[in-house]
Amino acid sequence: MHQHAALVTGGATRLGRHFAEALADTGYDIALHVNRSRNEAEEVAKGIRAKGRECEIFHCDFLSDQLSEELGGLLQTAKRRFPGLNLLLNSASAYEPAPIAATELAMLETQFRVNMFTPLLLTRHFAETVHEGQVINIIDNKVAYHQYPYAAYLLSKKSLAEMTRMAALEFAPRIRINGIAPGVVLPASQRTSDYLEWRTEGIPLQRRGEPAHLVQALHYLLDNAFVAGQILFVDGGESINVEGRHSENYSP
C-alpha cells in the first residue's frame, strides 16, 4: 500500500504553507506546487523532509496559455512521483482589489484563472488520475458578502464556492469535496493595526483567528467521511454578523 500524499497548490507561502506542513505532520508526503516563490518552497520542503516525510516541488504557472494541458501534466507528474496521491488542496490564490467600475478584462482573467479555473480543472484531472480521494478548496469568508470593492476577486471565490458544491455531487462517492472559508487569520502585511482592531470589532468572538484554527478545520474535513459539499467558515462568526436594519435598531 502506497504512502498517502497530497498536492498542495500555493504551498510555499501564507496559509498554503501552514496546510502543507500540517499535512506532513499528519503523515502525508507532499507534492508542493510553486510558481514564483521558489526560495520559500525550498525552505518548506526542507522542513517537511526534516519531519520524516517526502516532499517534491512542482512548478506550474496558472496563467499559462496552455492551462488545462499544464494542469493535467502537473497531476500526472505528481501521481508518478507519489503513487499514493489521494488529496488535492487548492490553496493558491490571486488577489487584486477593484470595484466593478474599475475592473478590466485582464484583472478578471487573472483572478478567475487562479481562483476558479485552476481548481476546477485540477479537480477534473485529479478525478481522472486517482481512484479515490478528497479535494479541499480554500475559499474566503467574503463569499458571504457582496463587497463590490473586491469585485473580480470575490466573484471568482463565489464561483469557487459554487463549484465546490457542484463538483461534490458530480464526483461522489469516489471523490469527497469540501471547502474552508477563512476569516481574519493572516491579514495582508499592509493592513494597519487600527484596521485590524476595527475588523475584530465586527467578529462576534471578538478576536482574530490563528492558522491552527484552519488546520483544525482541515483535520475535521479529512477525518469525517460523511461530510461532502460543505464549506466550513472559520471566521469567529464574522460572516453571520449581518443583522440588517429593522424597527428595533432604527434610530431616527
Protein backbone atom coordinates (compact mmCIF):
# COMPACT_ATOMS: atom_id res chain seq x y z
CA MET A 1 0.00 0.00 0.00
CA HIS A 2 1.38 3.38 -1.02
CA GLN A 3 2.03 6.20 1.43
CA HIS A 4 -0.70 8.88 1.37
CA ALA A 5 0.31 12.05 -0.46
CA ALA A 6 -1.23 15.47 -1.06
CA LEU A 7 -0.82 18.02 -3.83
CA VAL A 8 -0.94 21.49 -2.26
CA THR A 9 -1.14 24.47 -4.62
CA GLY A 10 0.42 27.69 -3.40
CA GLY A 11 2.02 25.65 -0.65
CA ALA A 12 5.15 27.77 -0.22
CA THR A 13 3.64 30.81 1.47
CA ARG A 14 0.97 32.01 3.90
CA LEU A 15 -1.92 29.61 4.53
CA GLY A 16 -0.74 27.13 1.90
CA ARG A 17 2.48 26.65 3.85
CA HIS A 18 0.59 26.02 7.09
CA PHE A 19 -1.61 23.45 5.37
CA ALA A 20 1.34 21.68 3.73
CA GLU A 21 3.24 21.46 7.00
CA ALA A 22 0.14 20.29 8.89
CA LEU A 23 -0.48 17.55 6.33
CA ALA A 24 3.13 16.43 6.69
CA ASP A 25 2.63 16.28 10.46
CA THR A 26 -0.43 14.11 9.82
CA GLY A 27 1.65 11.67 7.76
CA TYR A 28 1.21 12.86 4.19
CA ASP A 29 4.02 13.14 1.69
CA ILE A 30 3.73 16.49 -0.06
CA ALA A 31 3.70 17.46 -3.74
CA LEU A 32 4.35 21.18 -3.28
CA HIS A 33 3.18 23.40 -6.12
CA VAL A 34 5.01 26.68 -6.67
CA ASN A 35 5.12 29.39 -9.29
CA ARG A 36 7.32 32.33 -8.26
CA SER A 37 8.07 31.53 -4.59
CA ARG A 38 10.86 29.03 -5.30
CA ASN A 39 13.10 30.03 -2.38
CA GLU A 40 10.22 29.81 0.07
CA ALA A 41 9.24 26.43 -1.41
CA GLU A 42 12.75 25.08 -0.85
CA GLU A 43 12.55 26.16 2.78
CA VAL A 44 9.16 24.48 3.25
CA ALA A 45 10.36 21.30 1.54
CA LYS A 46 13.44 21.17 3.78
CA GLY A 47 11.25 21.45 6.88
CA ILE A 48 8.85 18.76 5.68
CA ARG A 49 11.72 16.38 4.95
CA ALA A 50 13.07 17.05 8.45
CA LYS A 51 9.73 15.72 9.74
CA GLY A 52 10.49 12.41 8.02
CA ARG A 53 8.11 12.94 5.12
CA GLU A 54 8.93 13.18 1.43
CA CYS A 55 8.40 16.47 -0.39
CA GLU A 56 8.87 17.35 -4.04
CA ILE A 57 8.47 20.81 -5.58
CA PHE A 58 6.43 21.10 -8.78
CA HIS A 59 6.38 24.29 -10.83
CA CYS A 60 3.26 25.38 -12.72
CA ASP A 61 2.17 28.82 -13.94
CA PHE A 62 -1.60 29.11 -13.60
CA LEU A 63 -1.59 31.97 -16.13
CA SER A 64 -0.21 29.74 -18.87
CA ASP A 65 -1.87 29.85 -22.29
CA GLN A 66 -2.00 26.05 -22.18
CA LEU A 67 -3.52 25.91 -18.71
CA SER A 68 -5.51 22.68 -18.98
CA GLU A 69 -2.57 20.78 -20.50
CA GLU A 70 -0.18 22.19 -17.87
CA LEU A 71 -2.51 21.16 -15.04
CA GLY A 72 -3.02 17.71 -16.49
CA GLY A 73 0.74 17.33 -16.67
CA LEU A 74 1.10 18.55 -13.09
CA LEU A 75 -1.33 15.88 -11.83
CA GLN A 76 0.26 13.11 -13.88
CA THR A 77 3.77 14.02 -12.74
CA ALA A 78 2.73 14.29 -9.10
CA LYS A 79 0.96 10.90 -9.30
CA ARG A 80 4.04 9.24 -10.79
CA ARG A 81 6.23 10.68 -8.05
CA PHE A 82 3.70 9.91 -5.31
CA PRO A 83 1.60 6.87 -6.28
CA GLY A 84 -0.41 7.27 -3.06
CA LEU A 85 -1.67 10.72 -4.07
CA ASN A 86 -5.21 10.98 -2.70
CA LEU A 87 -5.66 14.62 -1.65
CA LEU A 88 -5.80 17.83 -3.66
CA LEU A 89 -5.73 21.03 -1.62
CA ASN A 90 -6.35 24.14 -3.73
CA SER A 91 -4.80 26.99 -1.77
CA ALA A 92 -3.17 29.15 -4.46
CA SER A 93 -4.91 32.50 -4.80
CA ALA A 94 -4.71 35.74 -6.77
CA TYR A 95 -5.94 38.93 -5.12
CA GLU A 96 -6.31 42.43 -6.54
CA PRO A 97 -9.00 44.79 -5.24
CA ALA A 98 -11.10 46.98 -7.52
CA PRO A 99 -14.80 47.82 -7.84
CA ILE A 100 -16.68 46.79 -10.97
CA ALA A 101 -16.31 50.32 -12.35
CA ALA A 102 -12.52 49.91 -12.33
CA THR A 103 -12.32 46.23 -13.29
CA GLU A 104 -10.51 45.48 -16.53
CA LEU A 105 -10.63 42.25 -18.51
CA ALA A 106 -7.05 41.37 -17.61
CA MET A 107 -7.87 41.60 -13.89
CA LEU A 108 -10.88 39.33 -14.34
CA GLU A 109 -8.87 36.83 -16.33
CA THR A 110 -6.03 36.67 -13.82
CA GLN A 111 -8.19 36.21 -10.74
CA PHE A 112 -10.63 33.79 -12.34
CA ARG A 113 -7.80 31.73 -13.82
CA VAL A 114 -6.07 31.29 -10.48
CA ASN A 115 -9.05 31.26 -8.10
CA MET A 116 -11.64 29.39 -10.16
CA PHE A 117 -10.48 27.88 -13.46
CA THR A 118 -7.40 26.21 -11.95
CA PRO A 119 -9.21 24.50 -9.03
CA LEU A 120 -11.94 23.34 -11.43
CA LEU A 121 -9.51 21.89 -13.96
CA LEU A 122 -7.28 20.40 -11.26
CA THR A 123 -10.33 18.72 -9.75
CA ARG A 124 -11.21 17.27 -13.13
CA HIS A 125 -7.67 15.98 -13.71
CA PHE A 126 -7.47 14.71 -10.11
CA ALA A 127 -10.66 12.69 -10.61
CA GLU A 128 -9.23 11.28 -13.84
CA THR A 129 -5.91 10.41 -12.21
CA VAL A 130 -6.73 8.90 -8.81
CA HIS A 131 -9.03 6.02 -7.91
CA GLU A 132 -10.48 7.77 -4.87
CA GLY A 133 -9.59 10.73 -2.68
CA GLN A 134 -10.50 14.16 -1.44
CA VAL A 135 -10.42 17.75 -2.69
CA ILE A 136 -10.40 20.69 -0.28
CA ASN A 137 -10.76 24.21 -1.70
CA ILE A 138 -9.60 27.23 0.28
CA ILE A 139 -12.18 29.92 -0.31
CA ASP A 140 -12.77 33.13 1.75
CA ASN A 141 -15.44 34.18 4.23
CA LYS A 142 -16.03 37.22 1.99
CA VAL A 143 -18.21 34.97 -0.18
CA ALA A 144 -20.95 35.65 2.39
CA TYR A 145 -20.98 39.32 1.34
CA HIS A 146 -21.37 41.49 -1.74
CA GLN A 147 -18.25 43.61 -1.24
CA TYR A 148 -18.02 45.25 -4.64
CA PRO A 149 -14.63 46.91 -3.94
CA TYR A 150 -13.19 43.39 -4.46
CA ALA A 151 -15.35 42.55 -7.48
CA ALA A 152 -13.12 40.27 -9.58
CA TYR A 153 -11.58 38.51 -6.59
CA LEU A 154 -14.84 37.97 -4.78
CA LEU A 155 -16.76 36.84 -7.85
CA SER A 156 -14.04 34.28 -8.55
CA LYS A 157 -14.22 32.99 -4.97
CA LYS A 158 -18.03 32.89 -5.02
CA SER A 159 -17.75 30.82 -8.19
CA LEU A 160 -15.27 28.54 -6.46
CA ALA A 161 -17.74 28.03 -3.61
CA GLU A 162 -20.47 27.00 -6.05
CA MET A 163 -18.06 24.79 -7.98
CA THR A 164 -17.16 23.04 -4.71
CA ARG A 165 -20.80 22.08 -4.15
CA MET A 166 -21.36 21.13 -7.79
CA ALA A 167 -18.22 19.00 -8.02
CA ALA A 168 -19.08 17.28 -4.73
CA LEU A 169 -22.22 15.96 -6.42
CA GLU A 170 -20.57 15.05 -9.70
CA PHE A 171 -17.63 13.10 -8.28
CA ALA A 172 -19.27 11.47 -5.24
CA PRO A 173 -18.84 8.90 -3.85
CA ARG A 174 -15.36 8.32 -5.26
CA ILE A 175 -14.04 11.84 -4.59
CA ARG A 176 -15.17 13.73 -1.48
CA ILE A 177 -15.04 17.50 -1.97
CA ASN A 178 -15.35 20.32 0.59
CA GLY A 179 -14.10 23.83 1.25
CA ILE A 180 -12.74 26.05 4.02
CA ALA A 181 -13.61 29.76 4.16
CA PRO A 182 -11.10 31.56 6.40
CA GLY A 183 -11.83 34.86 8.10
CA VAL A 184 -9.28 37.24 9.65
CA VAL A 185 -6.38 34.85 10.18
CA LEU A 186 -3.34 36.01 8.18
CA PRO A 187 -4.20 39.57 7.09
CA ALA A 188 -2.16 41.19 4.34
CA SER A 189 1.05 42.80 5.58
CA GLN A 190 -0.09 46.28 4.56
CA ARG A 191 -3.08 46.20 6.93
CA THR A 192 -2.70 48.66 9.82
CA SER A 193 -3.29 47.80 13.46
CA ASP A 194 -6.20 50.25 13.55
CA TYR A 195 -7.82 48.47 10.62
CA LEU A 196 -7.36 45.06 12.22
CA GLU A 197 -8.86 46.29 15.50
CA TRP A 198 -11.83 47.63 13.56
CA ARG A 199 -12.27 44.31 11.77
CA THR A 200 -12.06 42.44 15.05
CA GLU A 201 -14.91 44.54 16.46
CA GLY A 202 -17.16 43.02 13.79
CA ILE A 203 -16.29 39.44 14.76
CA PRO A 204 -18.78 38.01 17.29
CA LEU A 205 -16.00 36.11 19.09
CA GLN A 206 -14.08 39.41 19.36
CA ARG A 207 -10.73 38.02 18.29
CA ARG A 208 -8.74 37.12 15.23
CA GLY A 209 -8.12 33.55 14.21
CA GLU A 210 -4.88 31.63 14.08
CA PRO A 211 -3.61 29.25 11.39
CA ALA A 212 -4.11 26.46 13.93
CA HIS A 213 -7.87 27.05 13.73
CA LEU A 214 -7.77 26.42 9.99
CA VAL A 215 -5.63 23.33 10.49
CA GLN A 216 -8.29 22.01 12.89
CA ALA A 217 -10.89 22.57 10.16
CA LEU A 218 -8.67 20.73 7.70
CA HIS A 219 -8.42 17.74 10.04
CA TYR A 220 -12.18 17.70 10.52
CA LEU A 221 -12.85 17.58 6.78
CA LEU A 222 -10.17 14.94 6.26
CA ASP A 223 -11.41 12.71 9.05
CA ASN A 224 -15.21 12.92 8.75
CA ALA A 225 -16.11 10.58 5.91
CA PHE A 226 -19.78 11.67 5.95
CA VAL A 227 -19.14 15.33 5.06
CA ALA A 228 -19.35 16.35 1.40
CA GLY A 229 -20.14 19.55 -0.48
CA GLN A 230 -19.72 21.70 2.63
CA ILE A 231 -17.91 25.00 3.09
CA LEU A 232 -16.67 25.37 6.63
CA PHE A 233 -16.49 29.03 7.67
CA VAL A 234 -13.67 29.52 10.17
CA ASP A 235 -14.12 33.20 10.98
CA GLY A 236 -15.37 33.65 14.54
CA GLY A 237 -18.89 34.16 13.25
CA GLU A 238 -17.98 37.23 11.18
CA SER A 239 -19.85 36.03 8.11
CA ILE A 240 -23.15 35.69 10.00
CA ASN A 241 -22.84 39.09 11.67
CA VAL A 242 -25.24 40.77 9.24
CA GLU A 243 -28.21 41.78 11.34
CA GLY A 244 -29.70 44.17 8.83
CA ARG A 245 -31.95 47.15 9.51
CA HIS A 246 -35.24 46.69 11.34
CA SER A 247 -37.63 48.59 13.61
CA GLU A 248 -35.78 47.77 16.83
CA ASN A 249 -32.45 49.15 15.68
CA TYR A 250 -33.95 52.16 13.92
CA SER A 251 -32.73 55.42 15.47
CA PRO A 252 -34.30 58.49 13.82
